[in-house]
Amino acid sequence: HGDDEAAPYRGLSRYGTGDQHLFFGRQPEVERLARMIA
């Protein structure tokens, strides 16, 4: 319940929908997928 909640990395766990502020490096894929779904 303490310190790890402030961690900027998620370890082996996946990043969740509330972690977009910590998710970097895949923006081109994100934008391409959004266009494909449209």
Full PDB file with SEQRES, HELIX, SHEET, SSBOND, CRYST1, ORIGX, SCALE, CONECT and MASTER records, all heavy atoms in Angstrom:
SEQRES   1 A   38  HIS GLY ASP ASP GLU ALA ALA PRO TYR ARG GLY LEU SER          
SEQRES   2 A   38  ARG TYR GLY THR GLY ASP GLN HIS LEU PHE PHE GLY ARG          
SEQRES   3 A   38  GLN PRO GLU VAL GLU ARG LEU ALA ARG MET ILE ALA              
HELIX    1 AA1 ASP A    3  ALA A    6  5                                   4    
HELIX    2 AA2 GLN A   20  LEU A   22  5                                   3    
HELIX    3 AA3 GLN A   27  ILE A   37  1                                  11    
CRYST1    1.000    1.000    1.000  90.00  90.00  90.00 P 1           1          
ORIGX1      1.000000  0.000000  0.000000        0.00000                         
ORIGX2      0.000000  1.000000  0.000000        0.00000                         
ORIGX3      0.000000  0.000000  1.000000        0.00000                         
SCALE1      1.000000  0.000000  0.000000        0.00000                         
SCALE2      0.000000  1.000000  0.000000        0.00000                         
SCALE3      0.000000  0.000000  1.000000        0.00000                         
ATOM      1  N   HIS A   1       0.795  -1.224   0.000  1.00  0.00           N  
ATOM      2  CA  HIS A   1       0.000   0.000   0.000  1.00  0.00           C  
ATOM      3  C   HIS A   1       0.832   1.282   0.000  1.00  0.00           C  
ATOM      4  O   HIS A   1       0.285   2.362  -0.060  1.00  0.00           O  
ATOM      5  CB  HIS A   1      -0.898   0.035   1.247  1.00  0.00           C  
ATOM      6  CG  HIS A   1      -1.761  -1.179   1.360  1.00  0.00           C  
ATOM      7  ND1 HIS A   1      -2.789  -1.438   0.493  1.00  0.00           N  
ATOM      8  CD2 HIS A   1      -1.732  -2.226   2.244  1.00  0.00           C  
ATOM      9  CE1 HIS A   1      -3.386  -2.577   0.827  1.00  0.00           C  
ATOM     10  NE2 HIS A   1      -2.762  -3.070   1.872  1.00  0.00           N  
ATOM     11  N   GLY A   2       2.144   1.117   0.030  1.00  0.00           N  
ATOM     12  CA  GLY A   2       2.950   2.310   0.212  1.00  0.00           C  
ATOM     13  C   GLY A   2       3.761   2.717  -0.984  1.00  0.00           C  
ATOM     14  O   GLY A   2       3.238   3.041  -2.054  1.00  0.00           O  
ATOM     15  N   ASP A   3       5.062   2.641  -0.831  1.00  0.00           N  
ATOM     16  CA  ASP A   3       6.012   3.256  -1.728  1.00  0.00           C  
ATOM     17  C   ASP A   3       5.853   2.838  -3.174  1.00  0.00           C  
ATOM     18  O   ASP A   3       5.986   3.647  -4.093  1.00  0.00           O  
ATOM     19  CB  ASP A   3       7.422   2.913  -1.236  1.00  0.00           C  
ATOM     20  CG  ASP A   3       8.433   3.949  -1.677  1.00  0.00           C  
ATOM     21  OD1 ASP A   3       8.030   5.104  -1.883  1.00  0.00           O  
ATOM     22  OD2 ASP A   3       9.609   3.587  -1.838  1.00  0.00           O  
ATOM     23  N   ASP A   4       5.572   1.559  -3.435  1.00  0.00           N  
ATOM     24  CA  ASP A   4       5.530   1.066  -4.809  1.00  0.00           C  
ATOM     25  C   ASP A   4       4.439   1.720  -5.642  1.00  0.00           C  
ATOM     26  O   ASP A   4       4.509   1.708  -6.875  1.00  0.00           O  
ATOM     27  CB  ASP A   4       5.331  -0.454  -4.832  1.00  0.00           C  
ATOM     28  CG  ASP A   4       6.663  -1.196  -4.771  1.00  0.00           C  
ATOM     29  OD1 ASP A   4       7.688  -0.526  -4.534  1.00  0.00           O  
ATOM     30  OD2 ASP A   4       6.673  -2.420  -4.949  1.00  0.00           O  
ATOM     31  N   GLU A   5       3.444   2.280  -5.015  1.00  0.00           N  
ATOM     32  CA  GLU A   5       2.375   2.935  -5.773  1.00  0.00           C  
ATOM     33  C   GLU A   5       2.902   4.134  -6.552  1.00  0.00           C  
ATOM     34  O   GLU A   5       2.310   4.533  -7.556  1.00  0.00           O  
ATOM     35  CB  GLU A   5       1.256   3.368  -4.826  1.00  0.00           C  
ATOM     36  CG  GLU A   5       0.508   2.192  -4.198  1.00  0.00           C  
ATOM     37  CD  GLU A   5      -0.622   2.644  -3.290  1.00  0.00           C  
ATOM     38  OE1 GLU A   5      -0.807   3.868  -3.159  1.00  0.00           O  
ATOM     39  OE2 GLU A   5      -1.300   1.779  -2.729  1.00  0.00           O  
ATOM     40  N   ALA A   6       4.015   4.700  -6.098  1.00  0.00           N  
ATOM     41  CA  ALA A   6       4.589   5.861  -6.772  1.00  0.00           C  
ATOM     42  C   ALA A   6       5.609   5.462  -7.827  1.00  0.00           C  
ATOM     43  O   ALA A   6       6.197   6.333  -8.479  1.00  0.00           O  
ATOM     44  CB  ALA A   6       5.254   6.789  -5.738  1.00  0.00           C  
ATOM     45  N   ALA A   7       5.831   4.187  -8.028  1.00  0.00           N  
ATOM     46  CA  ALA A   7       6.847   3.725  -8.975  1.00  0.00           C  
ATOM     47  C   ALA A   7       6.483   4.146 -10.399  1.00  0.00           C  
ATOM     48  O   ALA A   7       5.339   4.011 -10.825  1.00  0.00           O  
ATOM     49  CB  ALA A   7       6.983   2.209  -8.910  1.00  0.00           C  
ATOM     50  N   PRO A   8       7.465   4.650 -11.166  1.00  0.00           N  
ATOM     51  CA  PRO A   8       7.186   5.050 -12.552  1.00  0.00           C  
ATOM     52  C   PRO A   8       7.237   3.885 -13.532  1.00  0.00           C  
ATOM     53  O   PRO A   8       7.018   4.079 -14.730  1.00  0.00           O  
ATOM     54  CB  PRO A   8       8.302   6.056 -12.844  1.00  0.00           C  
ATOM     55  CG  PRO A   8       9.437   5.621 -11.967  1.00  0.00           C  
ATOM     56  CD  PRO A   8       8.806   5.057 -10.727  1.00  0.00           C  
ATOM     57  N   TYR A   9       7.550   2.674 -13.040  1.00  0.00           N  
ATOM     58  CA  TYR A   9       7.614   1.478 -13.882  1.00  0.00           C  
ATOM     59  C   TYR A   9       6.703   0.410 -13.292  1.00  0.00           C  
ATOM     60  O   TYR A   9       6.438   0.393 -12.095  1.00  0.00           O  
ATOM     61  CB  TYR A   9       9.049   0.953 -13.976  1.00  0.00           C  
ATOM     62  CG  TYR A   9      10.042   2.017 -14.389  1.00  0.00           C  
ATOM     63  CD1 TYR A   9      10.876   2.631 -13.444  1.00  0.00           C  
ATOM     64  CD2 TYR A   9      10.133   2.428 -15.715  1.00  0.00           C  
ATOM     65  CE1 TYR A   9      11.770   3.615 -13.815  1.00  0.00           C  
ATOM     66  CE2 TYR A   9      11.028   3.417 -16.097  1.00  0.00           C  
ATOM     67  CZ  TYR A   9      11.848   4.011 -15.142  1.00  0.00           C  
ATOM     68  OH  TYR A   9      12.725   4.994 -15.509  1.00  0.00           O  
ATOM     69  N   ARG A  10       6.225  -0.498 -14.135  1.00  0.00           N  
ATOM     70  CA  ARG A  10       5.255  -1.498 -13.692  1.00  0.00           C  
ATOM     71  C   ARG A  10       5.841  -2.896 -13.557  1.00  0.00           C  
ATOM     72  O   ARG A  10       5.122  -3.859 -13.326  1.00  0.00           O  
ATOM     73  CB  ARG A  10       4.062  -1.523 -14.651  1.00  0.00           C  
ATOM     74  CG  ARG A  10       3.196  -0.271 -14.560  1.00  0.00           C  
ATOM     75  CD  ARG A  10       2.530  -0.179 -13.188  1.00  0.00           C  
ATOM     76  NE  ARG A  10       1.867   1.107 -12.981  1.00  0.00           N  
ATOM     77  CZ  ARG A  10       2.381   2.096 -12.259  1.00  0.00           C  
ATOM     78  NH1 ARG A  10       3.577   1.945 -11.680  1.00  0.00           N  
ATOM     79  NH2 ARG A  10       1.724   3.223 -12.090  1.00  0.00           N  
ATOM     80  N   GLY A  11       7.137  -3.033 -13.712  1.00  0.00           N  
ATOM     81  CA  GLY A  11       7.745  -4.347 -13.536  1.00  0.00           C  
ATOM     82  C   GLY A  11       7.233  -5.334 -14.566  1.00  0.00           C  
ATOM     83  O   GLY A  11       7.030  -4.997 -15.741  1.00  0.00           O  
ATOM     84  N   LEU A  12       6.977  -6.561 -14.136  1.00  0.00           N  
ATOM     85  CA  LEU A  12       6.475  -7.586 -15.043  1.00  0.00           C  
ATOM     86  C   LEU A  12       4.996  -7.389 -15.375  1.00  0.00           C  
ATOM     87  O   LEU A  12       4.484  -7.973 -16.322  1.00  0.00           O  
ATOM     88  CB  LEU A  12       6.680  -8.975 -14.432  1.00  0.00           C  
ATOM     89  CG  LEU A  12       8.124  -9.458 -14.351  1.00  0.00           C  
ATOM     90  CD1 LEU A  12       8.197 -10.778 -13.592  1.00  0.00           C  
ATOM     91  CD2 LEU A  12       8.731  -9.618 -15.726  1.00  0.00           C  
ATOM     92  N   SER A  13       4.302  -6.598 -14.570  1.00  0.00           N  
ATOM     93  CA  SER A  13       2.881  -6.352 -14.823  1.00  0.00           C  
ATOM     94  C   SER A  13       2.714  -5.458 -16.050  1.00  0.00           C  
ATOM     95  O   SER A  13       3.566  -4.636 -16.354  1.00  0.00           O  
ATOM     96  CB  SER A  13       2.228  -5.681 -13.619  1.00  0.00           C  
ATOM     97  OG  SER A  13       2.379  -6.479 -12.462  1.00  0.00           O  
ATOM     98  N   ARG A  14       1.601  -5.636 -16.751  1.00  0.00           N  
ATOM     99  CA  ARG A  14       1.332  -4.786 -17.900  1.00  0.00           C  
ATOM    100  C   ARG A  14       0.964  -3.380 -17.425  1.00  0.00           C  
ATOM    101  O   ARG A  14       0.536  -3.184 -16.283  1.00  0.00           O  
ATOM    102  CB  ARG A  14       0.177  -5.376 -18.713  1.00  0.00           C  
ATOM    103  CG  ARG A  14      -1.122  -5.375 -17.951  1.00  0.00           C  
ATOM    104  CD  ARG A  14      -2.221  -6.102 -18.671  1.00  0.00           C  
ATOM    105  NE  ARG A  14      -3.417  -6.163 -17.830  1.00  0.00           N  
ATOM    106  CZ  ARG A  14      -4.177  -7.227 -17.677  1.00  0.00           C  
ATOM    107  NH1 ARG A  14      -3.858  -8.350 -18.283  1.00  0.00           N  
ATOM    108  NH2 ARG A  14      -5.250  -7.193 -16.916  1.00  0.00           N  
ATOM    109  N   TYR A  15       1.109  -2.401 -18.299  1.00  0.00           N  
ATOM    110  CA  TYR A  15       0.634  -1.048 -18.022  1.00  0.00           C  
ATOM    111  C   TYR A  15      -0.876  -1.029 -18.239  1.00  0.00           C  
ATOM    112  O   TYR A  15      -1.375  -1.593 -19.216  1.00  0.00           O  
ATOM    113  CB  TYR A  15       1.320  -0.043 -18.944  1.00  0.00           C  
ATOM    114  CG  TYR A  15       2.748   0.255 -18.555  1.00  0.00           C  
ATOM    115  CD1 TYR A  15       3.748  -0.686 -18.750  1.00  0.00           C  
ATOM    116  CD2 TYR A  15       3.097   1.467 -17.987  1.00  0.00           C  
ATOM    117  CE1 TYR A  15       5.061  -0.434 -18.395  1.00  0.00           C  
ATOM    118  CE2 TYR A  15       4.412   1.743 -17.614  1.00  0.00           C  
ATOM    119  CZ  TYR A  15       5.393   0.775 -17.821  1.00  0.00           C  
ATOM    120  OH  TYR A  15       6.688   1.032 -17.454  1.00  0.00           O  
ATOM    121  N   GLY A  16      -1.608  -0.386 -17.339  1.00  0.00           N  
ATOM    122  CA  GLY A  16      -3.056  -0.362 -17.414  1.00  0.00           C  
ATOM    123  C   GLY A  16      -3.576   0.907 -18.068  1.00  0.00           C  
ATOM    124  O   GLY A  16      -2.808   1.795 -18.465  1.00  0.00           O  
ATOM    125  N   THR A  17      -4.890   1.010 -18.156  1.00  0.00           N  
ATOM    126  CA  THR A  17      -5.504   2.167 -18.800  1.00  0.00           C  
ATOM    127  C   THR A  17      -5.245   3.460 -18.028  1.00  0.00           C  
ATOM    128  O   THR A  17      -5.368   4.554 -18.590  1.00  0.00           O  
ATOM    129  CB  THR A  17      -7.024   1.961 -18.936  1.00  0.00           C  
ATOM    130  OG1 THR A  17      -7.569   1.617 -17.651  1.00  0.00           O  
ATOM    131  CG2 THR A  17      -7.333   0.840 -19.917  1.00  0.00           C  
ATOM    132  N   GLY A  18      -4.890   3.341 -16.756  1.00  0.00           N  
ATOM    133  CA  GLY A  18      -4.584   4.538 -15.975  1.00  0.00           C  
ATOM    134  C   GLY A  18      -3.111   4.901 -15.987  1.00  0.00           C  
ATOM    135  O   GLY A  18      -2.689   5.825 -15.281  1.00  0.00           O  
ATOM    136  N   ASP A  19      -2.314   4.199 -16.799  1.00  0.00           N  
ATOM    137  CA  ASP A  19      -0.861   4.416 -16.804  1.00  0.00           C  
ATOM    138  C   ASP A  19      -0.372   5.123 -18.062  1.00  0.00           C  
ATOM    139  O   ASP A  19       0.822   5.083 -18.370  1.00  0.00           O  
ATOM    140  CB  ASP A  19      -0.129   3.073 -16.681  1.00  0.00           C  
ATOM    141  CG  ASP A  19      -0.358   2.396 -15.345  1.00  0.00           C  
ATOM    142  OD1 ASP A  19      -0.463   3.114 -14.340  1.00  0.00           O  
ATOM    143  OD2 ASP A  19      -0.433   1.152 -15.315  1.00  0.00           O  
ATOM    144  N   GLN A  20      -1.285   5.767 -18.805  1.00  0.00           N  
ATOM    145  CA  GLN A  20      -0.861   6.376 -20.063  1.00  0.00           C  
ATOM    146  C   GLN A  20       0.209   7.439 -19.872  1.00  0.00           C  
ATOM    147  O   GLN A  20       1.025   7.685 -20.772  1.00  0.00           O  
ATOM    148  CB  GLN A  20      -2.056   6.964 -20.837  1.00  0.00           C  
ATOM    149  CG  GLN A  20      -2.822   8.050 -20.109  1.00  0.00           C  
ATOM    150  CD  GLN A  20      -4.013   7.485 -19.347  1.00  0.00           C  
ATOM    151  OE1 GLN A  20      -3.952   6.380 -18.837  1.00  0.00           O  
ATOM    152  NE2 GLN A  20      -5.089   8.248 -19.291  1.00  0.00           N  
ATOM    153  N   HIS A  21       0.249   8.071 -18.700  1.00  0.00           N  
ATOM    154  CA  HIS A  21       1.262   9.096 -18.441  1.00  0.00           C  
ATOM    155  C   HIS A  21       2.657   8.506 -18.265  1.00  0.00           C  
ATOM    156  O   HIS A  21       3.651   9.237 -18.272  1.00  0.00           O  
ATOM    157  CB  HIS A  21       0.882   9.910 -17.196  1.00  0.00           C  
ATOM    158  CG  HIS A  21       0.852   9.104 -15.929  1.00  0.00           C  
ATOM    159  ND1 HIS A  21      -0.053   8.086 -15.716  1.00  0.00           N  
ATOM    160  CD2 HIS A  21       1.630   9.169 -14.812  1.00  0.00           C  
ATOM    161  CE1 HIS A  21       0.160   7.554 -14.519  1.00  0.00           C  
ATOM    162  NE2 HIS A  21       1.164   8.193 -13.962  1.00  0.00           N  
ATOM    163  N   LEU A  22       2.731   7.182 -18.115  1.00  0.00           N  
ATOM    164  CA  LEU A  22       4.021   6.502 -17.947  1.00  0.00           C  
ATOM    165  C   LEU A  22       4.393   5.658 -19.161  1.00  0.00           C  
ATOM    166  O   LEU A  22       5.461   5.043 -19.184  1.00  0.00           O  
ATOM    167  CB  LEU A  22       3.985   5.590 -16.709  1.00  0.00           C  
ATOM    168  CG  LEU A  22       3.690   6.257 -15.363  1.00  0.00           C  
ATOM    169  CD1 LEU A  22       3.563   5.199 -14.275  1.00  0.00           C  
ATOM    170  CD2 LEU A  22       4.788   7.264 -15.011  1.00  0.00           C  
ATOM    171  N   PHE A  23       3.527   5.630 -20.166  1.00  0.00           N  
ATOM    172  CA  PHE A  23       3.719   4.736 -21.307  1.00  0.00           C  
ATOM    173  C   PHE A  23       4.350   5.493 -22.466  1.00  0.00           C  
ATOM    174  O   PHE A  23       3.735   6.398 -23.033  1.00  0.00           O  
ATOM    175  CB  PHE A  23       2.374   4.129 -21.721  1.00  0.00           C  
ATOM    176  CG  PHE A  23       2.485   3.093 -22.804  1.00  0.00           C  
ATOM    177  CD1 PHE A  23       2.997   1.837 -22.534  1.00  0.00           C  
ATOM    178  CD2 PHE A  23       2.067   3.384 -24.095  1.00  0.00           C  
ATOM    179  CE1 PHE A  23       3.105   0.888 -23.544  1.00  0.00           C  
ATOM    180  CE2 PHE A  23       2.157   2.445 -25.103  1.00  0.00           C  
ATOM    181  CZ  PHE A  23       2.684   1.190 -24.825  1.00  0.00           C  
ATOM    182  N   PHE A  24       5.568   5.100 -22.832  1.00  0.00           N  
ATOM    183  CA  PHE A  24       6.305   5.807 -23.887  1.00  0.00           C  
ATOM    184  C   PHE A  24       6.945   4.801 -24.853  1.00  0.00           C  
ATOM    185  O   PHE A  24       7.161   3.638 -24.508  1.00  0.00           O  
ATOM    186  CB  PHE A  24       7.414   6.674 -23.276  1.00  0.00           C  
ATOM    187  CG  PHE A  24       6.900   7.812 -22.441  1.00  0.00           C  
ATOM    188  CD1 PHE A  24       6.780   7.678 -21.061  1.00  0.00           C  
ATOM    189  CD2 PHE A  24       6.529   9.016 -23.031  1.00  0.00           C  
ATOM    190  CE1 PHE A  24       6.298   8.717 -20.280  1.00  0.00           C  
ATOM    191  CE2 PHE A  24       6.051  10.065 -22.251  1.00  0.00           C  
ATOM    192  CZ  PHE A  24       5.932   9.915 -20.881  1.00  0.00           C  
ATOM    193  N   GLY A  25       7.233   5.302 -26.060  1.00  0.00           N  
ATOM    194  CA  GLY A  25       8.003   4.516 -27.021  1.00  0.00           C  
ATOM    195  C   GLY A  25       7.196   3.836 -28.109  1.00  0.00           C  
ATOM    196  O   GLY A  25       7.764   3.331 -29.072  1.00  0.00           O  
ATOM    197  N   ARG A  26       5.855   3.803 -27.983  1.00  0.00           N  
ATOM    198  CA  ARG A  26       5.035   3.099 -28.971  1.00  0.00           C  
ATOM    199  C   ARG A  26       4.017   4.027 -29.652  1.00  0.00           C  
ATOM    200  O   ARG A  26       3.051   3.550 -30.211  1.00  0.00           O  
ATOM    201  CB  ARG A  26       4.284   1.949 -28.286  1.00  0.00           C  
ATOM    202  CG  ARG A  26       5.114   0.732 -27.941  1.00  0.00           C  
ATOM    203  CD  ARG A  26       5.583   0.022 -29.192  1.00  0.00           C  
ATOM    204  NE  ARG A  26       6.161  -1.285 -28.908  1.00  0.00           N  
ATOM    205  CZ  ARG A  26       6.834  -1.997 -29.804  1.00  0.00           C  
ATOM    206  NH1 ARG A  26       7.011  -1.527 -31.026  1.00  0.00           N  
ATOM    207  NH2 ARG A  26       7.340  -3.175 -29.481  1.00  0.00           N  
ATOM    208  N   GLN A  27       4.260   5.323 -29.636  1.00  0.00           N  
ATOM    209  CA  GLN A  27       3.265   6.254 -30.186  1.00  0.00           C  
ATOM    210  C   GLN A  27       2.981   6.026 -31.670  1.00  0.00           C  
ATOM    211  O   GLN A  27       1.815   6.085 -32.087  1.00  0.00           O  
ATOM    212  CB  GLN A  27       3.703   7.707 -29.946  1.00  0.00           C  
ATOM    213  CG  GLN A  27       2.623   8.740 -30.216  1.00  0.00           C  
ATOM    214  CD  GLN A  27       1.355   8.504 -29.385  1.00  0.00           C  
ATOM    215  OE1 GLN A  27       1.410   7.990 -28.270  1.00  0.00           O  
ATOM    216  NE2 GLN A  27       0.207   8.872 -29.947  1.00  0.00           N  
ATOM    217  N   PRO A  28       3.978   5.739 -32.528  1.00  0.00           N  
ATOM    218  CA  PRO A  28       3.658   5.479 -33.946  1.00  0.00           C  
ATOM    219  C   PRO A  28       2.713   4.302 -34.123  1.00  0.00           C  
ATOM    220  O   PRO A  28       1.778   4.360 -34.938  1.00  0.00           O  
ATOM    221  CB  PRO A  28       5.036   5.188 -34.564  1.00  0.00           C  
ATOM    222  CG  PRO A  28       5.995   5.917 -33.688  1.00  0.00           C  
ATOM    223  CD  PRO A  28       5.438   5.780 -32.305  1.00  0.00           C  
ATOM    224  N   GLU A  29       2.905   3.220 -33.348  1.00  0.00           N  
ATOM    225  CA  GLU A  29       2.016   2.058 -33.438  1.00  0.00           C  
ATOM    226  C   GLU A  29       0.618   2.399 -32.922  1.00  0.00           C  
ATOM    227  O   GLU A  29      -0.391   1.952 -33.488  1.00  0.00           O  
ATOM    228  CB  GLU A  29       2.590   0.887 -32.644  1.00  0.00           C  
ATOM    229  CG  GLU A  29       3.805   0.233 -33.257  1.00  0.00           C  
ATOM    230  CD  GLU A  29       5.113   0.908 -32.866  1.00  0.00           C  
ATOM    231  OE1 GLU A  29       5.065   1.992 -32.247  1.00  0.00           O  
ATOM    232  OE2 GLU A  29       6.180   0.366 -33.172  1.00  0.00           O  
ATOM    233  N   VAL A  30       0.567   3.181 -31.850  1.00  0.00           N  
ATOM    234  CA  VAL A  30      -0.726   3.587 -31.293  1.00  0.00           C  
ATOM    235  C   VAL A  30      -1.526   4.360 -32.341  1.00  0.00           C  
ATOM    236  O   VAL A  30      -2.716   4.080 -32.581  1.00  0.00           O  
ATOM    237  CB  VAL A  30      -0.528   4.447 -30.025  1.00  0.00           C  
ATOM    238  CG1 VAL A  30      -1.830   5.123 -29.619  1.00  0.00           C  
ATOM    239  CG2 VAL A  30      -0.001   3.586 -28.873  1.00  0.00           C  
ATOM    240  N   GLU A  31      -0.896   5.330 -32.983  1.00  0.00           N  
ATOM    241  CA  GLU A  31      -1.593   6.159 -33.967  1.00  0.00           C  
ATOM    242  C   GLU A  31      -1.998   5.339 -35.192  1.00  0.00           C  
ATOM    243  O   GLU A  31      -3.095   5.518 -35.741  1.00  0.00           O  
ATOM    244  CB  GLU A  31      -0.692   7.324 -34.379  1.00  0.00           C  
ATOM    245  CG  GLU A  31      -0.463   8.321 -33.242  1.00  0.00           C  
ATOM    246  CD  GLU A  31       0.539   9.395 -33.604  1.00  0.00           C  
ATOM    247  OE1 GLU A  31       1.105   9.336 -34.726  1.00  0.00           O  
ATOM    248  OE2 GLU A  31       0.778  10.295 -32.765  1.00  0.00           O  
ATOM    249  N   ARG A  32      -1.146   4.426 -35.610  1.00  0.00           N  
ATOM    250  CA  ARG A  32      -1.473   3.606 -36.783  1.00  0.00           C  
ATOM    251  C   ARG A  32      -2.651   2.680 -36.489  1.00  0.00           C  
ATOM    252  O   ARG A  32      -3.547   2.508 -37.319  1.00  0.00           O  
ATOM    253  CB  ARG A  32      -0.253   2.802 -37.211  1.00  0.00           C  
ATOM    254  CG  ARG A  32      -0.496   2.023 -38.500  1.00  0.00           C  
ATOM    255  CD  ARG A  32       0.759   1.407 -39.027  1.00  0.00           C  
ATOM    256  NE  ARG A  32       0.483   0.599 -40.212  1.00  0.00           N  
ATOM    257  CZ  ARG A  32       1.371  -0.154 -40.835  1.00  0.00           C  
ATOM    258  NH1 ARG A  32       2.634  -0.177 -40.408  1.00  0.00           N  
ATOM    259  NH2 ARG A  32       1.037  -0.864 -41.888  1.00  0.00           N  
ATOM    260  N   LEU A  33      -2.659   2.079 -35.309  1.00  0.00           N  
ATOM    261  CA  LEU A  33      -3.771   1.199 -34.933  1.00  0.00           C  
ATOM    262  C   LEU A  33      -5.078   1.977 -34.854  1.00  0.00           C  
ATOM    263  O   LEU A  33      -6.137   1.486 -35.266  1.00  0.00           O  
ATOM    264  CB  LEU A  33      -3.485   0.512 -33.600  1.00  0.00           C  
ATOM    265  CG  LEU A  33      -2.529  -0.678 -33.628  1.00  0.00           C  
ATOM    266  CD1 LEU A  33      -2.215  -1.146 -32.208  1.00  0.00           C  
ATOM    267  CD2 LEU A  33      -3.110  -1.830 -34.441  1.00  0.00           C  
ATOM    268  N   ALA A  34      -5.026   3.183 -34.312  1.00  0.00           N  
ATOM    269  CA  ALA A  34      -6.238   4.013 -34.215  1.00  0.00           C  
ATOM    270  C   ALA A  34      -6.793   4.296 -35.608  1.00  0.00           C  
ATOM    271  O   ALA A  34      -8.017   4.255 -35.829  1.00  0.00           O  
ATOM    272  CB  ALA A  34      -5.931   5.308 -33.475  1.00  0.00           C  
ATOM    273  N   ARG A  35      -5.906   4.583 -36.574  1.00  0.00           N  
ATOM    274  CA  ARG A  35      -6.358   4.824 -37.953  1.00  0.00           C  
ATOM    275  C   ARG A  35      -6.932   3.548 -38.563  1.00  0.00           C  
ATOM    276  O   ARG A  35      -7.954   3.589 -39.269  1.00  0.00           O  
ATOM    277  CB  ARG A  35      -5.198   5.331 -38.811  1.00  0.00           C  
ATOM    278  CG  ARG A  35      -4.740   6.749 -38.473  1.00  0.00           C  
ATOM    279  CD  ARG A  35      -3.875   7.321 -39.581  1.00  0.00           C  
ATOM    280  NE  ARG A  35      -2.665   6.517 -39.795  1.00  0.00           N  
ATOM    281  CZ  ARG A  35      -1.506   6.702 -39.176  1.00  0.00           C  
ATOM    282  NH1 ARG A  35      -1.397   7.679 -38.276  1.00  0.00           N  
ATOM    283  NH2 ARG A  35      -0.472   5.949 -39.435  1.00  0.00           N  
ATOM    284  N   MET A  36      -6.312   2.407 -38.297  1.00  0.00           N  
ATOM    285  CA  MET A  36      -6.781   1.142 -38.862  1.00  0.00           C  
ATOM    286  C   MET A  36      -8.169   0.790 -38.335  1.00  0.00           C  
ATOM    287  O   MET A  36      -9.031   0.324 -39.075  1.00  0.00           O  
ATOM    288  CB  MET A  36      -5.782   0.022 -38.538  1.00  0.00           C  
ATOM    289  CG  MET A  36      -4.455   0.169 -39.267  1.00  0.00           C  
ATOM    290  SD  MET A  36      -3.230  -1.076 -38.745  1.00  0.00           S  
ATOM    291  CE  MET A  36      -3.885  -2.530 -39.564  1.00  0.00           C  
ATOM    292  N   ILE A  37      -8.395   1.027 -37.040  1.00  0.00           N  
ATOM    293  CA  ILE A  37      -9.704   0.724 -36.455  1.00  0.00           C  
ATOM    294  C   ILE A  37     -10.777   1.638 -37.035  1.00  0.00           C  
ATOM    295  O   ILE A  37     -11.932   1.242 -37.219  1.00  0.00           O  
ATOM    296  CB  ILE A  37      -9.647   0.848 -34.916  1.00  0.00           C  
ATOM    297  CG1 ILE A  37      -8.804  -0.297 -34.341  1.00  0.00           C  
ATOM    298  CG2 ILE A  37     -11.041   0.826 -34.303  1.00  0.00           C  
ATOM    299  CD1 ILE A  37      -8.579  -0.208 -32.850  1.00  0.00           C  
ATOM    300  N   ALA A  38     -10.409   2.871 -37.363  1.00  0.00           N  
ATOM    301  CA  ALA A  38     -11.376   3.797 -37.963  1.00  0.00           C  
ATOM    302  C   ALA A  38     -11.744   3.359 -39.382  1.00  0.00           C  
ATOM    303  O   ALA A  38     -12.870   3.581 -39.835  1.00  0.00           O  
ATOM    304  CB  ALA A  38     -10.798   5.211 -37.984  1.00  0.00           C  
TER     305      ALA A  38                                                      
MASTER        0    0    0    3    0    0    0    6  304    1    0    3          
END                                                                             
